[in-house]
Amino acid sequence: MKDFSQYGNRPDDQWEMLPWIPDPRPPFKIWVKPEQIAPFFLIPHHPYAISLLLKISDRFRTEEFCRLGLTGSSEDWERLVQGVIREFEENNSGVGLFHFDSDEDVFCVYSQYIDDLMMLAKMIRAACADEKTMGMYLNMSEAAKA
C-alpha cells in the first residue's frame, strides 16, 4: 500500500492548467465536513487537486456489496462511483472531471475540480445509504459500459 498522500497525486507538470484559475493557483478550502463523508476522507494535493479515499480494510458496506453479488473491492467501489459520476455529469455538465487511482487496499477518486469532487464525495456517501440505491448506481455504471 502506498502512503495516502500518493493516491491521486501527479508531478506538478502533469496537471492541466485551467485557464480560468490564476497561476499560481490560490489555496483552496475544504468545505465538506469529515463527518459528512466518513469513512471516506480527503487528501489535498496543494494547489492542484484533491483525492477522496476509502480504506478497503474498513469493510464499509461490504455486506451490501456481497448481497449484490460483489465483494466490496476497490474495483467494486470504482464501478459504484462511476454510476454516481454519470448522474453528476448529467446534472452538472463536464465529462472527464474525475479520475481513479485505486489498488487492492485503497479506493481513490481524484480531480483538479476541487469543489466538484467535494460535492461528489457527498453524493457517494448518500449513495451508500441503502442497498437499493447502491444497486441503482452499479447498474448505471454497467449500462454506460454496454
C-alpha atoms as a PDB file:
ATOM      1  CA  MET A   1       0.000   0.000   0.000  1.00  0.00           C
ATOM      2  CA  LYS A   2       1.212   3.470  -0.881  1.00  0.00           C
ATOM      3  CA  ASP A   3       1.218   6.382   1.516  1.00  0.00           C
ATOM      4  CA  PHE A   4      -2.217   8.055   1.387  1.00  0.00           C
ATOM      5  CA  SER A   5      -0.718  11.276   0.017  1.00  0.00           C
ATOM      6  CA  GLN A   6       0.468   9.389  -3.087  1.00  0.00           C
ATOM      7  CA  TYR A   7      -3.019   8.369  -4.258  1.00  0.00           C
ATOM      8  CA  GLY A   8      -4.288  10.674  -6.977  1.00  0.00           C
ATOM      9  CA  ASN A   9      -1.132  12.751  -6.936  1.00  0.00           C
ATOM     10  CA  ARG A  10       0.852  13.696 -10.013  1.00  0.00           C
ATOM     11  CA  PRO A  11       4.027  15.681 -10.586  1.00  0.00           C
ATOM     12  CA  ASP A  12       3.238  19.406 -10.877  1.00  0.00           C
ATOM     13  CA  ASP A  13       3.940  19.457 -14.621  1.00  0.00           C
ATOM     14  CA  GLN A  14       1.311  16.756 -15.299  1.00  0.00           C
ATOM     15  CA  TRP A  15      -1.664  18.746 -14.012  1.00  0.00           C
ATOM     16  CA  GLU A  16      -3.796  20.562 -16.537  1.00  0.00           C
ATOM     17  CA  MET A  17      -3.514  24.324 -16.254  1.00  0.00           C
ATOM     18  CA  LEU A  18      -7.093  25.552 -16.017  1.00  0.00           C
ATOM     19  CA  PRO A  19      -7.288  28.888 -17.865  1.00  0.00           C
ATOM     20  CA  TRP A  20      -9.858  30.480 -15.529  1.00  0.00           C
ATOM     21  CA  ILE A  21      -7.741  29.829 -12.422  1.00  0.00           C
ATOM     22  CA  PRO A  22      -4.829  32.222 -11.836  1.00  0.00           C
ATOM     23  CA  ASP A  23      -1.348  30.792 -11.965  1.00  0.00           C
ATOM     24  CA  PRO A  24      -0.148  30.132  -9.351  1.00  0.00           C
ATOM     25  CA  ARG A  25      -3.436  28.680  -8.174  1.00  0.00           C
ATOM     26  CA  PRO A  26      -4.635  30.184  -4.890  1.00  0.00           C
ATOM     27  CA  PRO A  27      -5.047  27.873  -1.892  1.00  0.00           C
ATOM     28  CA  PHE A  28      -8.376  26.073  -1.692  1.00  0.00           C
ATOM     29  CA  LYS A  29     -10.601  25.419   1.291  1.00  0.00           C
ATOM     30  CA  ILE A  30     -12.052  22.014   2.091  1.00  0.00           C
ATOM     31  CA  TRP A  31     -15.643  22.920   2.926  1.00  0.00           C
ATOM     32  CA  VAL A  32     -17.097  19.438   3.310  1.00  0.00           C
ATOM     33  CA  LYS A  33     -17.008  18.246   6.925  1.00  0.00           C
ATOM     34  CA  PRO A  34     -15.292  14.893   7.603  1.00  0.00           C
ATOM     35  CA  GLU A  35     -18.388  13.517   9.333  1.00  0.00           C
ATOM     36  CA  GLN A  36     -20.453  14.214   6.186  1.00  0.00           C
ATOM     37  CA  ILE A  37     -18.384  11.775   4.136  1.00  0.00           C
ATOM     38  CA  ALA A  38     -16.923   9.342   6.713  1.00  0.00           C
ATOM     39  CA  PRO A  39     -15.464   6.736   6.367  1.00  0.00           C
ATOM     40  CA  PHE A  40     -14.243   8.381   3.149  1.00  0.00           C
ATOM     41  CA  PHE A  41     -11.621  11.071   3.628  1.00  0.00           C
ATOM     42  CA  LEU A  42      -9.993  13.805   1.562  1.00  0.00           C
ATOM     43  CA  ILE A  43      -6.314  14.341   0.822  1.00  0.00           C
ATOM     44  CA  PRO A  44      -5.394  17.720  -0.736  1.00  0.00           C
ATOM     45  CA  HIS A  45      -2.645  17.894  -3.341  1.00  0.00           C
ATOM     46  CA  HIS A  46      -1.963  21.559  -2.935  1.00  0.00           C
ATOM     47  CA  PRO A  47      -2.532  23.562  -5.012  1.00  0.00           C
ATOM     48  CA  TYR A  48      -3.680  21.420  -7.903  1.00  0.00           C
ATOM     49  CA  ALA A  49      -6.134  18.736  -6.838  1.00  0.00           C
ATOM     50  CA  ILE A  50      -7.820  16.705  -4.156  1.00  0.00           C
ATOM     51  CA  SER A  51      -8.351  12.960  -3.660  1.00  0.00           C
ATOM     52  CA  LEU A  52     -11.218  11.121  -2.000  1.00  0.00           C
ATOM     53  CA  LEU A  53     -10.099   7.854  -0.421  1.00  0.00           C
ATOM     54  CA  LEU A  54     -11.585   4.830   1.326  1.00  0.00           C
ATOM     55  CA  LYS A  55      -9.564   2.114   3.043  1.00  0.00           C
ATOM     56  CA  ILE A  56     -10.891  -1.214   1.753  1.00  0.00           C
ATOM     57  CA  SER A  57      -9.887  -2.826   5.069  1.00  0.00           C
ATOM     58  CA  ASP A  58     -12.617  -0.744   6.779  1.00  0.00           C
ATOM     59  CA  ARG A  59     -15.074  -3.093   5.011  1.00  0.00           C
ATOM     60  CA  PHE A  60     -17.554  -0.247   4.584  1.00  0.00           C
ATOM     61  CA  ARG A  61     -20.806  -1.591   3.068  1.00  0.00           C
ATOM     62  CA  THR A  62     -19.174  -4.965   2.335  1.00  0.00           C
ATOM     63  CA  GLU A  63     -22.351  -6.834   3.334  1.00  0.00           C
ATOM     64  CA  GLU A  64     -24.403  -4.799   0.868  1.00  0.00           C
ATOM     65  CA  PHE A  65     -21.886  -5.456  -1.913  1.00  0.00           C
ATOM     66  CA  CYS A  66     -21.994  -9.193  -1.112  1.00  0.00           C
ATOM     67  CA  ARG A  67     -25.795  -9.243  -1.360  1.00  0.00           C
ATOM     68  CA  LEU A  68     -25.402  -7.574  -4.761  1.00  0.00           C
ATOM     69  CA  GLY A  69     -23.006 -10.347  -5.862  1.00  0.00           C
ATOM     70  CA  LEU A  70     -19.795  -8.332  -5.372  1.00  0.00           C
ATOM     71  CA  THR A  71     -17.023  -8.249  -2.764  1.00  0.00           C
ATOM     72  CA  GLY A  72     -16.590  -4.561  -1.842  1.00  0.00           C
ATOM     73  CA  SER A  73     -13.180  -4.362  -3.520  1.00  0.00           C
ATOM     74  CA  SER A  74     -11.741  -1.126  -4.876  1.00  0.00           C
ATOM     75  CA  GLU A  75     -12.918  -2.243  -8.337  1.00  0.00           C
ATOM     76  CA  ASP A  76     -16.469  -2.554  -6.984  1.00  0.00           C
ATOM     77  CA  TRP A  77     -16.198   0.921  -5.467  1.00  0.00           C
ATOM     78  CA  GLU A  78     -14.964   2.310  -8.793  1.00  0.00           C
ATOM     79  CA  ARG A  79     -17.943   0.736 -10.528  1.00  0.00           C
ATOM     80  CA  LEU A  80     -20.372   2.233  -7.986  1.00  0.00           C
ATOM     81  CA  VAL A  81     -18.751   5.654  -8.184  1.00  0.00           C
ATOM     82  CA  GLN A  82     -18.791   5.595 -11.994  1.00  0.00           C
ATOM     83  CA  GLY A  83     -22.583   5.372 -11.722  1.00  0.00           C
ATOM     84  CA  VAL A  84     -22.628   8.337  -9.325  1.00  0.00           C
ATOM     85  CA  ILE A  85     -20.308  10.273 -11.648  1.00  0.00           C
ATOM     86  CA  ARG A  86     -22.589   9.557 -14.580  1.00  0.00           C
ATOM     87  CA  GLU A  87     -25.502  11.153 -12.718  1.00  0.00           C
ATOM     88  CA  PHE A  88     -23.275  14.035 -11.561  1.00  0.00           C
ATOM     89  CA  GLU A  89     -22.157  14.759 -15.130  1.00  0.00           C
ATOM     90  CA  GLU A  90     -25.735  14.720 -16.409  1.00  0.00           C
ATOM     91  CA  ASN A  91     -26.789  17.254 -13.772  1.00  0.00           C
ATOM     92  CA  ASN A  92     -23.693  19.474 -13.756  1.00  0.00           C
ATOM     93  CA  SER A  93     -22.118  19.164 -17.215  1.00  0.00           C
ATOM     94  CA  GLY A  94     -18.492  18.376 -17.678  1.00  0.00           C
ATOM     95  CA  VAL A  95     -17.093  14.990 -18.633  1.00  0.00           C
ATOM     96  CA  GLY A  96     -13.687  13.748 -17.561  1.00  0.00           C
ATOM     97  CA  LEU A  97     -13.604  15.709 -14.306  1.00  0.00           C
ATOM     98  CA  PHE A  98     -12.771  12.680 -12.175  1.00  0.00           C
ATOM     99  CA  HIS A  99     -10.024  10.048 -12.313  1.00  0.00           C
ATOM    100  CA  PHE A 100      -9.259   6.882 -10.364  1.00  0.00           C
ATOM    101  CA  ASP A 101      -6.042   5.731  -8.679  1.00  0.00           C
ATOM    102  CA  SER A 102      -7.111   2.678  -6.669  1.00  0.00           C
ATOM    103  CA  ASP A 103      -5.370  -0.518  -5.676  1.00  0.00           C
ATOM    104  CA  GLU A 104      -6.429  -3.551  -3.642  1.00  0.00           C
ATOM    105  CA  ASP A 105      -6.017  -1.638  -0.353  1.00  0.00           C
ATOM    106  CA  VAL A 106      -7.476   1.783  -1.158  1.00  0.00           C
ATOM    107  CA  PHE A 107     -10.228   3.193  -3.355  1.00  0.00           C
ATOM    108  CA  CYS A 108      -9.302   6.633  -4.737  1.00  0.00           C
ATOM    109  CA  VAL A 109     -11.083   9.114  -6.981  1.00  0.00           C
ATOM    110  CA  TYR A 110      -9.379  12.461  -7.605  1.00  0.00           C
ATOM    111  CA  SER A 111      -9.833  15.679  -9.523  1.00  0.00           C
ATOM    112  CA  GLN A 112      -8.492  19.150 -10.157  1.00  0.00           C
ATOM    113  CA  TYR A 113     -12.079  20.339  -9.913  1.00  0.00           C
ATOM    114  CA  ILE A 114     -11.935  20.608  -6.155  1.00  0.00           C
ATOM    115  CA  ASP A 115     -15.460  21.854  -5.413  1.00  0.00           C
ATOM    116  CA  ASP A 116     -16.905  19.260  -7.792  1.00  0.00           C
ATOM    117  CA  LEU A 117     -15.036  16.473  -6.015  1.00  0.00           C
ATOM    118  CA  MET A 118     -16.307  17.633  -2.634  1.00  0.00           C
ATOM    119  CA  MET A 119     -19.880  17.614  -3.997  1.00  0.00           C
ATOM    120  CA  LEU A 120     -19.244  14.176  -5.477  1.00  0.00           C
ATOM    121  CA  ALA A 121     -17.957  12.963  -2.083  1.00  0.00           C
ATOM    122  CA  LYS A 122     -21.280  13.890  -0.503  1.00  0.00           C
ATOM    123  CA  MET A 123     -23.169  12.190  -3.352  1.00  0.00           C
ATOM    124  CA  ILE A 124     -21.112   8.991  -2.947  1.00  0.00           C
ATOM    125  CA  ARG A 125     -21.769   8.933   0.778  1.00  0.00           C
ATOM    126  CA  ALA A 126     -25.502   9.423   0.157  1.00  0.00           C
ATOM    127  CA  ALA A 127     -25.443   6.667  -2.491  1.00  0.00           C
ATOM    128  CA  CYS A 128     -24.265   4.271   0.216  1.00  0.00           C
ATOM    129  CA  ALA A 129     -27.360   4.939   2.334  1.00  0.00           C
ATOM    130  CA  ASP A 130     -29.062   1.726   1.257  1.00  0.00           C
ATOM    131  CA  GLU A 131     -28.570  -1.359  -0.867  1.00  0.00           C
ATOM    132  CA  LYS A 132     -31.252  -0.400  -3.403  1.00  0.00           C
ATOM    133  CA  THR A 133     -29.518   2.916  -4.166  1.00  0.00           C
ATOM    134  CA  MET A 134     -26.145   1.187  -4.429  1.00  0.00           C
ATOM    135  CA  GLY A 135     -27.641  -1.314  -6.886  1.00  0.00           C
ATOM    136  CA  MET A 136     -29.096   1.519  -8.982  1.00  0.00           C
ATOM    137  CA  TYR A 137     -25.674   3.211  -9.314  1.00  0.00           C
ATOM    138  CA  LEU A 138     -23.935  -0.078 -10.046  1.00  0.00           C
ATOM    139  CA  ASN A 139     -26.465  -0.700 -12.827  1.00  0.00           C
ATOM    140  CA  MET A 140     -25.924   2.830 -14.200  1.00  0.00           C
ATOM    141  CA  SER A 141     -22.234   2.060 -14.437  1.00  0.00           C
ATOM    142  CA  GLU A 142     -22.889  -1.233 -16.245  1.00  0.00           C
ATOM    143  CA  ALA A 143     -25.326   0.446 -18.662  1.00  0.00           C
ATOM    144  CA  ALA A 144     -22.681   3.015 -19.555  1.00  0.00           C
ATOM    145  CA  LYS A 145     -20.238   0.245 -20.500  1.00  0.00           C
ATOM    146  CA  ALA A 146     -22.743  -1.520 -22.767  1.00  0.00           C
END
